[in-house]
Amino acid sequence: MKSLVSCLLLLCLCIPAVAGECVLKTTRAACPGKEKDAYSKCGGQASCDEKVAVDSEKECAEKAAKSCDNSRPNIIKSKAVSAAFDGKPVGGGKNFCAVDRPDYNKCE
């Protein structure tokens, strides 16, 4: 029984070491008059950080690029997303969102 508990404890301690911490910093630009709705995902602020577990810096970059998708084009004018993997900027801290995306600048 002691060896089973020891193995489970060791497993629990090793799992966090396998995955790295990816922090996505997202800044949203709201359509005029839509600030309250646009910033709702960040507690009323234009920018916020989101932590996601990933296995590599490459996967962190992929998550950042995917976060650029704009599912609320009538509320969000555009986004800027940068990422850090285990505390180090991914891609030199670049914005992963292209400014000319077809789902940006659709405010009415």
PDB file of N, CA and C in Angstrom:
ATOM      1  N   MET A   1       0.820  -1.191   0.000  1.00  0.00           N
ATOM      2  CA  MET A   1       0.000   0.000   0.000  1.00  0.00           C
ATOM      3  C   MET A   1       0.867   1.260   0.000  1.00  0.00           C
ATOM      4  N   LYS A   2       1.949   1.233   0.802  1.00  0.00           N
ATOM      5  CA  LYS A   2       2.831   2.398   0.842  1.00  0.00           C
ATOM      6  C   LYS A   2       3.462   2.654  -0.521  1.00  0.00           C
ATOM      7  N   SER A   3       3.803   1.575  -1.228  1.00  0.00           N
ATOM      8  CA  SER A   3       4.439   1.775  -2.536  1.00  0.00           C
ATOM      9  C   SER A   3       3.437   2.352  -3.540  1.00  0.00           C
ATOM     10  N   LEU A   4       2.178   1.972  -3.423  1.00  0.00           N
ATOM     11  CA  LEU A   4       1.158   2.522  -4.312  1.00  0.00           C
ATOM     12  C   LEU A   4       0.993   4.016  -4.064  1.00  0.00           C
ATOM     13  N   VAL A   5       0.935   4.399  -2.807  1.00  0.00           N
ATOM     14  CA  VAL A   5       0.804   5.815  -2.455  1.00  0.00           C
ATOM     15  C   VAL A   5       2.040   6.577  -2.920  1.00  0.00           C
ATOM     16  N   SER A   6       3.199   5.983  -2.743  1.00  0.00           N
ATOM     17  CA  SER A   6       4.437   6.629  -3.182  1.00  0.00           C
ATOM     18  C   SER A   6       4.448   6.827  -4.689  1.00  0.00           C
ATOM     19  N   CYS A   7       3.996   5.822  -5.428  1.00  0.00           N
ATOM     20  CA  CYS A   7       3.941   5.925  -6.889  1.00  0.00           C
ATOM     21  C   CYS A   7       2.959   7.003  -7.330  1.00  0.00           C
ATOM     22  N   LEU A   8       1.798   7.062  -6.687  1.00  0.00           N
ATOM     23  CA  LEU A   8       0.814   8.087  -7.032  1.00  0.00           C
ATOM     24  C   LEU A   8       1.339   9.486  -6.726  1.00  0.00           C
ATOM     25  N   LEU A   9       2.010   9.634  -5.598  1.00  0.00           N
ATOM     26  CA  LEU A   9       2.582  10.925  -5.230  1.00  0.00           C
ATOM     27  C   LEU A   9       3.645  11.346  -6.241  1.00  0.00           C
ATOM     28  N   LEU A  10       4.497  10.417  -6.625  1.00  0.00           N
ATOM     29  CA  LEU A  10       5.532  10.698  -7.614  1.00  0.00           C
ATOM     30  C   LEU A  10       4.917  11.085  -8.951  1.00  0.00           C
ATOM     31  N   LEU A  11       3.872  10.385  -9.342  1.00  0.00           N
ATOM     32  CA  LEU A  11       3.182  10.695 -10.593  1.00  0.00           C
ATOM     33  C   LEU A  11       2.588  12.102 -10.558  1.00  0.00           C
ATOM     34  N   CYS A  12       1.970  12.461  -9.455  1.00  0.00           N
ATOM     35  CA  CYS A  12       1.378  13.799  -9.317  1.00  0.00           C
ATOM     36  C   CYS A  12       2.437  14.888  -9.365  1.00  0.00           C
ATOM     37  N   LEU A  13       3.600  14.620  -8.838  1.00  0.00           N
ATOM     38  CA  LEU A  13       4.675  15.608  -8.848  1.00  0.00           C
ATOM     39  C   LEU A  13       5.321  15.737 -10.227  1.00  0.00           C
ATOM     40  N   CYS A  14       5.308  14.668 -11.008  1.00  0.00           N
ATOM     41  CA  CYS A  14       5.956  14.680 -12.317  1.00  0.00           C
ATOM     42  C   CYS A  14       5.073  15.285 -13.405  1.00  0.00           C
ATOM     43  N   ILE A  15       3.774  15.149 -13.318  1.00  0.00           N
ATOM     44  CA  ILE A  15       2.874  15.625 -14.370  1.00  0.00           C
ATOM     45  C   ILE A  15       3.020  17.128 -14.612  1.00  0.00           C
ATOM     46  N   PRO A  16       3.047  17.978 -13.581  1.00  0.00           N
ATOM     47  CA  PRO A  16       3.201  19.403 -13.859  1.00  0.00           C
ATOM     48  C   PRO A  16       4.534  19.744 -14.530  1.00  0.00           C
ATOM     49  N   ALA A  17       5.557  18.942 -14.299  1.00  0.00           N
ATOM     50  CA  ALA A  17       6.856  19.213 -14.895  1.00  0.00           C
ATOM     51  C   ALA A  17       6.860  18.947 -16.394  1.00  0.00           C
ATOM     52  N   VAL A  18       5.953  18.111 -16.881  1.00  0.00           N
ATOM     53  CA  VAL A  18       5.902  17.774 -18.297  1.00  0.00           C
ATOM     54  C   VAL A  18       5.321  18.937 -19.097  1.00  0.00           C
ATOM     55  N   ALA A  19       4.226  19.495 -18.634  1.00  0.00           N
ATOM     56  CA  ALA A  19       3.567  20.590 -19.358  1.00  0.00           C
ATOM     57  C   ALA A  19       4.192  21.913 -18.939  1.00  0.00           C
ATOM     58  N   GLY A  20       4.290  22.825 -19.908  1.00  0.00           N
ATOM     59  CA  GLY A  20       4.791  24.154 -19.606  1.00  0.00           C
ATOM     60  C   GLY A  20       3.636  25.111 -19.418  1.00  0.00           C
ATOM     61  N   GLU A  21       3.930  26.275 -18.900  1.00  0.00           N
ATOM     62  CA  GLU A  21       2.890  27.282 -18.715  1.00  0.00           C
ATOM     63  C   GLU A  21       2.941  28.277 -19.870  1.00  0.00           C
ATOM     64  N   CYS A  22       1.830  28.405 -20.513  1.00  0.00           N
ATOM     65  CA  CYS A  22       1.685  29.348 -21.615  1.00  0.00           C
ATOM     66  C   CYS A  22       0.730  30.438 -21.147  1.00  0.00           C
ATOM     67  N   VAL A  23       1.177  31.668 -21.215  1.00  0.00           N
ATOM     68  CA  VAL A  23       0.340  32.798 -20.826  1.00  0.00           C
ATOM     69  C   VAL A  23       0.039  33.609 -22.080  1.00  0.00           C
ATOM     70  N   LEU A  24      -1.242  33.704 -22.403  1.00  0.00           N
ATOM     71  CA  LEU A  24      -1.692  34.479 -23.543  1.00  0.00           C
ATOM     72  C   LEU A  24      -2.175  35.832 -23.045  1.00  0.00           C
ATOM     73  N   LYS A  25      -1.585  36.910 -23.547  1.00  0.00           N
ATOM     74  CA  LYS A  25      -2.029  38.262 -23.201  1.00  0.00           C
ATOM     75  C   LYS A  25      -2.867  38.762 -24.366  1.00  0.00           C
ATOM     76  N   THR A  26      -4.144  38.981 -24.095  1.00  0.00           N
ATOM     77  CA  THR A  26      -5.079  39.417 -25.126  1.00  0.00           C
ATOM     78  C   THR A  26      -5.541  40.840 -24.837  1.00  0.00           C
ATOM     79  N   THR A  27      -5.457  41.675 -25.851  1.00  0.00           N
ATOM     80  CA  THR A  27      -5.968  43.039 -25.773  1.00  0.00           C
ATOM     81  C   THR A  27      -7.012  43.190 -26.870  1.00  0.00           C
ATOM     82  N   ARG A  28      -8.221  43.561 -26.461  1.00  0.00           N
ATOM     83  CA  ARG A  28      -9.323  43.719 -27.410  1.00  0.00           C
ATOM     84  C   ARG A  28      -9.569  45.197 -27.694  1.00  0.00           C
ATOM     85  N   ALA A  29      -9.828  45.518 -28.954  1.00  0.00           N
ATOM     86  CA  ALA A  29     -10.280  46.858 -29.341  1.00  0.00           C
ATOM     87  C   ALA A  29     -11.773  46.740 -29.617  1.00  0.00           C
ATOM     88  N   ALA A  30     -12.561  47.529 -28.916  1.00  0.00           N
ATOM     89  CA  ALA A  30     -14.018  47.439 -29.020  1.00  0.00           C
ATOM     90  C   ALA A  30     -14.555  48.279 -30.169  1.00  0.00           C
ATOM     91  N   CYS A  31     -15.657  47.820 -30.709  1.00  0.00           N
ATOM     92  CA  CYS A  31     -16.405  48.656 -31.641  1.00  0.00           C
ATOM     93  C   CYS A  31     -16.974  49.833 -30.835  1.00  0.00           C
ATOM     94  N   PRO A  32     -17.151  51.004 -31.453  1.00  0.00           N
ATOM     95  CA  PRO A  32     -17.662  52.169 -30.729  1.00  0.00           C
ATOM     96  C   PRO A  32     -18.978  51.869 -30.000  1.00  0.00           C
ATOM     97  N   GLY A  33     -19.000  52.204 -28.710  1.00  0.00           N
ATOM     98  CA  GLY A  33     -20.186  52.005 -27.892  1.00  0.00           C
ATOM     99  C   GLY A  33     -20.380  50.583 -27.388  1.00  0.00           C
ATOM    100  N   LYS A  34     -19.465  49.670 -27.714  1.00  0.00           N
ATOM    101  CA  LYS A  34     -19.598  48.258 -27.327  1.00  0.00           C
ATOM    102  C   LYS A  34     -18.558  47.844 -26.284  1.00  0.00           C
ATOM    103  N   GLU A  35     -17.950  48.808 -25.621  1.00  0.00           N
ATOM    104  CA  GLU A  35     -16.862  48.527 -24.701  1.00  0.00           C
ATOM    105  C   GLU A  35     -17.256  47.552 -23.595  1.00  0.00           C
ATOM    106  N   LYS A  36     -18.425  47.736 -23.003  1.00  0.00           N
ATOM    107  CA  LYS A  36     -18.838  46.870 -21.891  1.00  0.00           C
ATOM    108  C   LYS A  36     -18.878  45.405 -22.329  1.00  0.00           C
ATOM    109  N   ASP A  37     -19.512  45.132 -23.466  1.00  0.00           N
ATOM    110  CA  ASP A  37     -19.596  43.760 -23.968  1.00  0.00           C
ATOM    111  C   ASP A  37     -18.229  43.259 -24.431  1.00  0.00           C
ATOM    112  N   ALA A  38     -17.471  44.115 -25.091  1.00  0.00           N
ATOM    113  CA  ALA A  38     -16.171  43.716 -25.639  1.00  0.00           C
ATOM    114  C   ALA A  38     -15.195  43.314 -24.543  1.00  0.00           C
ATOM    115  N   TYR A  39     -15.234  44.015 -23.425  1.00  0.00           N
ATOM    116  CA  TYR A  39     -14.268  43.767 -22.362  1.00  0.00           C
ATOM    117  C   TYR A  39     -14.780  42.806 -21.290  1.00  0.00           C
ATOM    118  N   SER A  40     -15.953  42.238 -21.489  1.00  0.00           N
ATOM    119  CA  SER A  40     -16.545  41.358 -20.474  1.00  0.00           C
ATOM    120  C   SER A  40     -15.689  40.125 -20.195  1.00  0.00           C
ATOM    121  N   LYS A  41     -14.972  39.617 -21.178  1.00  0.00           N
ATOM    122  CA  LYS A  41     -14.145  38.420 -20.966  1.00  0.00           C
ATOM    123  C   LYS A  41     -12.893  38.716 -20.147  1.00  0.00           C
ATOM    124  N   CYS A  42     -12.602  40.002 -19.951  1.00  0.00           N
ATOM    125  CA  CYS A  42     -11.441  40.418 -19.157  1.00  0.00           C
ATOM    126  C   CYS A  42     -11.868  41.199 -17.917  1.00  0.00           C
ATOM    127  N   GLY A  43     -13.034  40.916 -17.428  1.00  0.00           N
ATOM    128  CA  GLY A  43     -13.499  41.577 -16.209  1.00  0.00           C
ATOM    129  C   GLY A  43     -13.643  43.077 -16.352  1.00  0.00           C
ATOM    130  N   GLY A  44     -14.024  43.527 -17.543  1.00  0.00           N
ATOM    131  CA  GLY A  44     -14.227  44.945 -17.772  1.00  0.00           C
ATOM    132  C   GLY A  44     -12.992  45.690 -18.255  1.00  0.00           C
ATOM    133  N   GLN A  45     -11.883  45.004 -18.395  1.00  0.00           N
ATOM    134  CA  GLN A  45     -10.640  45.622 -18.859  1.00  0.00           C
ATOM    135  C   GLN A  45     -10.388  45.266 -20.330  1.00  0.00           C
ATOM    136  N   ALA A  46      -9.661  46.100 -21.031  1.00  0.00           N
ATOM    137  CA  ALA A  46      -9.340  45.831 -22.436  1.00  0.00           C
ATOM    138  C   ALA A  46      -8.352  44.685 -22.581  1.00  0.00           C
ATOM    139  N   SER A  47      -7.483  44.476 -21.585  1.00  0.00           N
ATOM    140  CA  SER A  47      -6.447  43.437 -21.651  1.00  0.00           C
ATOM    141  C   SER A  47      -6.509  42.510 -20.451  1.00  0.00           C
ATOM    142  N   CYS A  48      -6.151  41.258 -20.694  1.00  0.00           N
ATOM    143  CA  CYS A  48      -6.024  40.306 -19.601  1.00  0.00           C
ATOM    144  C   CYS A  48      -5.149  39.135 -20.049  1.00  0.00           C
ATOM    145  N   ASP A  49      -4.714  38.353 -19.077  1.00  0.00           N
ATOM    146  CA  ASP A  49      -3.887  37.177 -19.326  1.00  0.00           C
ATOM    147  C   ASP A  49      -4.691  35.910 -19.092  1.00  0.00           C
ATOM    148  N   GLU A  50      -4.397  34.894 -19.889  1.00  0.00           N
ATOM    149  CA  GLU A  50      -5.020  33.584 -19.733  1.00  0.00           C
ATOM    150  C   GLU A  50      -3.915  32.538 -19.719  1.00  0.00           C
ATOM    151  N   LYS A  51      -3.921  31.678 -18.705  1.00  0.00           N
ATOM    152  CA  LYS A  51      -2.922  30.611 -18.612  1.00  0.00           C
ATOM    153  C   LYS A  51      -3.485  29.335 -19.216  1.00  0.00           C
ATOM    154  N   VAL A  52      -2.689  28.706 -20.074  1.00  0.00           N
ATOM    155  CA  VAL A  52      -3.074  27.427 -20.671  1.00  0.00           C
ATOM    156  C   VAL A  52      -1.899  26.468 -20.564  1.00  0.00           C
ATOM    157  N   ALA A  53      -2.184  25.199 -20.305  1.00  0.00           N
ATOM    158  CA  ALA A  53      -1.139  24.187 -20.218  1.00  0.00           C
ATOM    159  C   ALA A  53      -0.833  23.660 -21.616  1.00  0.00           C
ATOM    160  N   VAL A  54       0.433  23.686 -21.973  1.00  0.00           N
ATOM    161  CA  VAL A  54       0.885  23.184 -23.271  1.00  0.00           C
ATOM    162  C   VAL A  54       2.175  22.404 -23.056  1.00  0.00           C
ATOM    163  N   ASP A  55       2.568  21.666 -24.075  1.00  0.00           N
ATOM    164  CA  ASP A  55       3.779  20.855 -23.984  1.00  0.00           C
ATOM    165  C   ASP A  55       5.011  21.535 -24.566  1.00  0.00           C
ATOM    166  N   SER A  56       4.829  22.593 -25.358  1.00  0.00           N
ATOM    167  CA  SER A  56       5.980  23.202 -26.020  1.00  0.00           C
ATOM    168  C   SER A  56       5.716  24.677 -26.337  1.00  0.00           C
ATOM    169  N   GLU A  57       6.789  25.371 -26.662  1.00  0.00           N
ATOM    170  CA  GLU A  57       6.676  26.759 -27.084  1.00  0.00           C
ATOM    171  C   GLU A  57       5.897  26.848 -28.395  1.00  0.00           C
ATOM    172  N   LYS A  58       6.100  25.869 -29.264  1.00  0.00           N
ATOM    173  CA  LYS A  58       5.380  25.835 -30.545  1.00  0.00           C
ATOM    174  C   LYS A  58       3.873  25.739 -30.309  1.00  0.00           C
ATOM    175  N   GLU A  59       3.468  24.886 -29.398  1.00  0.00           N
ATOM    176  CA  GLU A  59       2.040  24.742 -29.090  1.00  0.00           C
ATOM    177  C   GLU A  59       1.483  26.028 -28.471  1.00  0.00           C
ATOM    178  N   CYS A  60       2.297  26.709 -27.689  1.00  0.00           N
ATOM    179  CA  CYS A  60       1.885  27.984 -27.100  1.00  0.00           C
ATOM    180  C   CYS A  60       1.644  29.004 -28.216  1.00  0.00           C
ATOM    181  N   ALA A  61       2.539  29.042 -29.202  1.00  0.00           N
ATOM    182  CA  ALA A  61       2.376  29.950 -30.338  1.00  0.00           C
ATOM    183  C   ALA A  61       1.113  29.614 -31.127  1.00  0.00           C
ATOM    184  N   GLU A  62       0.829  28.326 -31.288  1.00  0.00           N
ATOM    185  CA  GLU A  62      -0.389  27.912 -32.001  1.00  0.00           C
ATOM    186  C   GLU A  62      -1.639  28.350 -31.258  1.00  0.00           C
ATOM    187  N   LYS A  63      -1.627  28.230 -29.929  1.00  0.00           N
ATOM    188  CA  LYS A  63      -2.772  28.678 -29.115  1.00  0.00           C
ATOM    189  C   LYS A  63      -2.956  30.187 -29.235  1.00  0.00           C
ATOM    190  N   ALA A  64      -1.850  30.923 -29.268  1.00  0.00           N
ATOM    191  CA  ALA A  64      -1.927  32.378 -29.402  1.00  0.00           C
ATOM    192  C   ALA A  64      -2.551  32.749 -30.742  1.00  0.00           C
ATOM    193  N   ALA A  65      -2.097  32.100 -31.804  1.00  0.00           N
ATOM    194  CA  ALA A  65      -2.645  32.388 -33.138  1.00  0.00           C
ATOM    195  C   ALA A  65      -4.132  32.050 -33.197  1.00  0.00           C
ATOM    196  N   LYS A  66      -4.531  30.949 -32.592  1.00  0.00           N
ATOM    197  CA  LYS A  66      -5.942  30.545 -32.576  1.00  0.00           C
ATOM    198  C   LYS A  66      -6.782  31.537 -31.778  1.00  0.00           C
ATOM    199  N   SER A  67      -6.186  32.154 -30.766  1.00  0.00           N
ATOM    200  CA  SER A  67      -6.915  33.120 -29.938  1.00  0.00           C
ATOM    201  C   SER A  67      -7.246  34.403 -30.683  1.00  0.00           C
ATOM    202  N   CYS A  68      -6.648  34.586 -31.846  1.00  0.00           N
ATOM    203  CA  CYS A  68      -6.928  35.784 -32.648  1.00  0.00           C
ATOM    204  C   CYS A  68      -8.317  35.729 -33.287  1.00  0.00           C
ATOM    205  N   ASP A  69      -8.886  34.543 -33.399  1.00  0.00           N
ATOM    206  CA  ASP A  69     -10.208  34.407 -34.015  1.00  0.00           C
ATOM    207  C   ASP A  69     -11.203  35.336 -33.326  1.00  0.00           C
ATOM    208  N   ASN A  70     -12.020  36.008 -34.120  1.00  0.00           N
ATOM    209  CA  ASN A  70     -13.004  36.954 -33.599  1.00  0.00           C
ATOM    210  C   ASN A  70     -14.408  36.399 -33.819  1.00  0.00           C
ATOM    211  N   SER A  71     -14.968  35.847 -32.775  1.00  0.00           N
ATOM    212  CA  SER A  71     -16.318  35.266 -32.865  1.00  0.00           C
ATOM    213  C   SER A  71     -17.412  36.324 -32.655  1.00  0.00           C
ATOM    214  N   ARG A  72     -17.007  37.557 -32.312  1.00  0.00           N
ATOM    215  CA  ARG A  72     -17.970  38.635 -32.061  1.00  0.00           C
ATOM    216  C   ARG A  72     -17.596  39.879 -32.879  1.00  0.00           C
ATOM    217  N   PRO A  73     -17.600  39.775 -34.206  1.00  0.00           N
ATOM    218  CA  PRO A  73     -17.122  40.885 -35.037  1.00  0.00           C
ATOM    219  C   PRO A  73     -17.946  42.172 -34.938  1.00  0.00           C
ATOM    220  N   ASN A  74     -19.182  42.075 -34.489  1.00  0.00           N
ATOM    221  CA  ASN A  74     -19.987  43.285 -34.317  1.00  0.00           C
ATOM    222  C   ASN A  74     -19.724  43.962 -32.970  1.00  0.00           C
ATOM    223  N   ILE A  75     -18.899  43.333 -32.125  1.00  0.00           N
ATOM    224  CA  ILE A  75     -18.558  43.872 -30.800  1.00  0.00           C
ATOM    225  C   ILE A  75     -17.057  44.169 -30.701  1.00  0.00           C
ATOM    226  N   ILE A  76     -16.237  43.243 -31.224  1.00  0.00           N
ATOM    227  CA  ILE A  76     -14.781  43.367 -31.158  1.00  0.00           C
ATOM    228  C   ILE A  76     -14.258  43.856 -32.506  1.00  0.00           C
ATOM    229  N   LYS A  77     -13.611  45.005 -32.512  1.00  0.00           N
ATOM    230  CA  LYS A  77     -13.031  45.532 -33.752  1.00  0.00           C
ATOM    231  C   LYS A  77     -11.791  44.727 -34.144  1.00  0.00           C
ATOM    232  N   SER A  78     -10.923  44.450 -33.171  1.00  0.00           N
ATOM    233  CA  SER A  78      -9.706  43.678 -33.425  1.00  0.00           C
ATOM    234  C   SER A  78      -9.117  43.210 -32.098  1.00  0.00           C
ATOM    235  N   LYS A  79      -8.106  42.342 -32.208  1.00  0.00           N
ATOM    236  CA  LYS A  79      -7.406  41.838 -31.031  1.00  0.00           C
ATOM    237  C   LYS A  79      -5.907  41.880 -31.278  1.00  0.00           C
ATOM    238  N   ALA A  80      -5.167  41.939 -30.194  1.00  0.00           N
ATOM    239  CA  ALA A  80      -3.722  41.739 -30.206  1.00  0.00           C
ATOM    240  C   ALA A  80      -3.448  40.645 -29.187  1.00  0.00           C
ATOM    241  N   VAL A  81      -2.739  39.597 -29.604  1.00  0.00           N
ATOM    242  CA  VAL A  81      -2.431  38.482 -28.708  1.00  0.00           C
ATOM    243  C   VAL A  81      -0.928  38.213 -28.753  1.00  0.00           C
ATOM    244  N   SER A  82      -0.312  38.256 -27.576  1.00  0.00           N
ATOM    245  CA  SER A  82       1.089  37.859 -27.449  1.00  0.00           C
ATOM    246  C   SER A  82       1.137  36.699 -26.456  1.00  0.00           C
ATOM    247  N   ALA A  83       2.267  36.001 -26.422  1.00  0.00           N
ATOM    248  CA  ALA A  83       2.361  34.820 -25.578  1.00  0.00           C
ATOM    249  C   ALA A  83       3.722  34.732 -24.900  1.00  0.00           C
ATOM    250  N   ALA A  84       3.729  34.067 -23.760  1.00  0.00           N
ATOM    251  CA  ALA A  84       4.975  33.747 -23.062  1.00  0.00           C
ATOM    252  C   ALA A  84       4.908  32.274 -22.670  1.00  0.00           C
ATOM    253  N   PHE A  85       5.986  31.559 -22.886  1.00  0.00           N
ATOM    254  CA  PHE A  85       6.063  30.143 -22.515  1.00  0.00           C
ATOM    255  C   PHE A  85       7.107  30.004 -21.420  1.00  0.00           C
ATOM    256  N   ASP A  86       6.678  29.503 -20.275  1.00  0.00           N
ATOM    257  CA  ASP A  86       7.541  29.369 -19.095  1.00  0.00           C
ATOM    258  C   ASP A  86       8.282  30.675 -18.797  1.00  0.00           C
ATOM    259  N   GLY A  87       7.547  31.795 -18.935  1.00  0.00           N
ATOM    260  CA  GLY A  87       8.086  33.099 -18.581  1.00  0.00           C
ATOM    261  C   GLY A  87       8.875  33.802 -19.672  1.00  0.00           C
ATOM    262  N   LYS A  88       9.093  33.140 -20.810  1.00  0.00           N
ATOM    263  CA  LYS A  88       9.873  33.751 -21.895  1.00  0.00           C
ATOM    264  C   LYS A  88       8.948  34.124 -23.048  1.00  0.00           C
ATOM    265  N   PRO A  89       9.083  35.352 -23.592  1.00  0.00           N
ATOM    266  CA  PRO A  89       8.222  35.763 -24.707  1.00  0.00           C
ATOM    267  C   PRO A  89       8.363  34.825 -25.909  1.00  0.00           C
ATOM    268  N   VAL A  90       7.244  34.473 -26.495  1.00  0.00           N
ATOM    269  CA  VAL A  90       7.228  33.621 -27.689  1.00  0.00           C
ATOM    270  C   VAL A  90       7.294  34.537 -28.904  1.00  0.00           C
ATOM    271  N   GLY A  91       8.176  34.205 -29.831  1.00  0.00           N
ATOM    272  CA  GLY A  91       8.305  35.013 -31.042  1.00  0.00           C
ATOM    273  C   GLY A  91       8.764  36.436 -30.755  1.00  0.00           C
ATOM    274  N   GLY A  92       9.544  36.604 -29.700  1.00  0.00           N
ATOM    275  CA  GLY A  92      10.030  37.936 -29.349  1.00  0.00           C
ATOM    276  C   GLY A  92       8.946  38.857 -28.814  1.00  0.00           C
ATOM    277  N   GLY A  93       7.825  38.302 -28.394  1.00  0.00           N
ATOM    278  CA  GLY A  93       6.728  39.106 -27.849  1.00  0.00           C
ATOM    279  C   GLY A  93       5.823  39.682 -28.920  1.00  0.00           C
ATOM    280  N   LYS A  94       5.905  39.127 -30.130  1.00  0.00           N
ATOM    281  CA  LYS A  94       5.122  39.671 -31.251  1.00  0.00           C
ATOM    282  C   LYS A  94       3.622  39.483 -31.072  1.00  0.00           C
ATOM    283  N   ASN A  95       2.863  40.285 -31.803  1.00  0.00           N
ATOM    284  CA  ASN A  95       1.417  40.143 -31.881  1.00  0.00           C
ATOM    285  C   ASN A  95       1.126  39.042 -32.909  1.00  0.00           C
ATOM    286  N   PHE A  96       0.439  37.997 -32.499  1.00  0.00           N
ATOM    287  CA  PHE A  96       0.140  36.879 -33.392  1.00  0.00           C
ATOM    288  C   PHE A  96      -1.034  37.156 -34.326  1.00  0.00           C
ATOM    289  N   CYS A  97      -1.743  38.256 -34.131  1.00  0.00           N
ATOM    290  CA  CYS A  97      -2.924  38.564 -34.933  1.00  0.00           C
ATOM    291  C   CYS A  97      -2.574  39.517 -36.082  1.00  0.00           C
ATOM    292  N   ALA A  98      -2.869  39.097 -37.289  1.00  0.00           N
ATOM    293  CA  ALA A  98      -2.657  39.970 -38.452  1.00  0.00           C
ATOM    294  C   ALA A  98      -3.712  41.071 -38.437  1.00  0.00           C
ATOM    295  N   VAL A  99      -3.303  42.291 -38.719  1.00  0.00           N
ATOM    296  CA  VAL A  99      -4.245  43.414 -38.670  1.00  0.00           C
ATOM    297  C   VAL A  99      -5.261  43.378 -39.809  1.00  0.00           C
ATOM    298  N   ASP A 100      -4.953  42.656 -40.877  1.00  0.00           N
ATOM    299  CA  ASP A 100      -5.857  42.618 -42.034  1.00  0.00           C
ATOM    300  C   ASP A 100      -6.715  41.350 -42.080  1.00  0.00           C
ATOM    301  N   ARG A 101      -6.958  40.750 -40.933  1.00  0.00           N
ATOM    302  CA  ARG A 101      -7.798  39.540 -40.871  1.00  0.00           C
ATOM    303  C   ARG A 101      -9.217  39.868 -41.369  1.00  0.00           C
ATOM    304  N   PRO A 102      -9.851  38.922 -42.043  1.00  0.00           N
ATOM    305  CA  PRO A 102     -11.207  39.184 -42.567  1.00  0.00           C
ATOM    306  C   PRO A 102     -12.277  39.294 -41.469  1.00  0.00           C
ATOM    307  N   ASP A 103     -11.991  38.813 -40.259  1.00  0.00           N
ATOM    308  CA  ASP A 103     -12.963  38.902 -39.174  1.00  0.00           C
ATOM    309  C   ASP A 103     -12.718  40.127 -38.270  1.00  0.00           C
ATOM    310  N   TYR A 104     -11.849  41.046 -38.698  1.00  0.00           N
ATOM    311  CA  TYR A 104     -11.603  42.289 -37.958  1.00  0.00           C
ATOM    312  C   TYR A 104     -12.193  43.470 -38.727  1.00  0.00           C
ATOM    313  N   ASN A 105     -12.399  44.562 -37.999  1.00  0.00           N
ATOM    314  CA  ASN A 105     -12.902  45.808 -38.586  1.00  0.00           C
ATOM    315  C   ASN A 105     -14.267  45.639 -39.250  1.00  0.00           C
ATOM    316  N   LYS A 106     -15.159  44.914 -38.568  1.00  0.00           N
ATOM    317  CA  LYS A 106     -16.520  44.682 -39.079  1.00  0.00           C
ATOM    318  C   LYS A 106     -17.566  45.416 -38.270  1.00  0.00           C
ATOM    319  N   CYS A 107     -17.161  46.433 -37.522  1.00  0.00           N
ATOM    320  CA  CYS A 107     -18.096  47.190 -36.706  1.00  0.00           C
ATOM    321  C   CYS A 107     -19.155  47.859 -37.582  1.00  0.00           C
ATOM    322  N   GLU A 108     -20.365  47.921 -37.052  1.00  0.00           N
ATOM    323  CA  GLU A 108     -21.463  48.573 -37.789  1.00  0.00           C
ATOM    324  C   GLU A 108     -21.947  49.789 -37.045  1.00  0.00           C
TER     325      GLU A 108
END
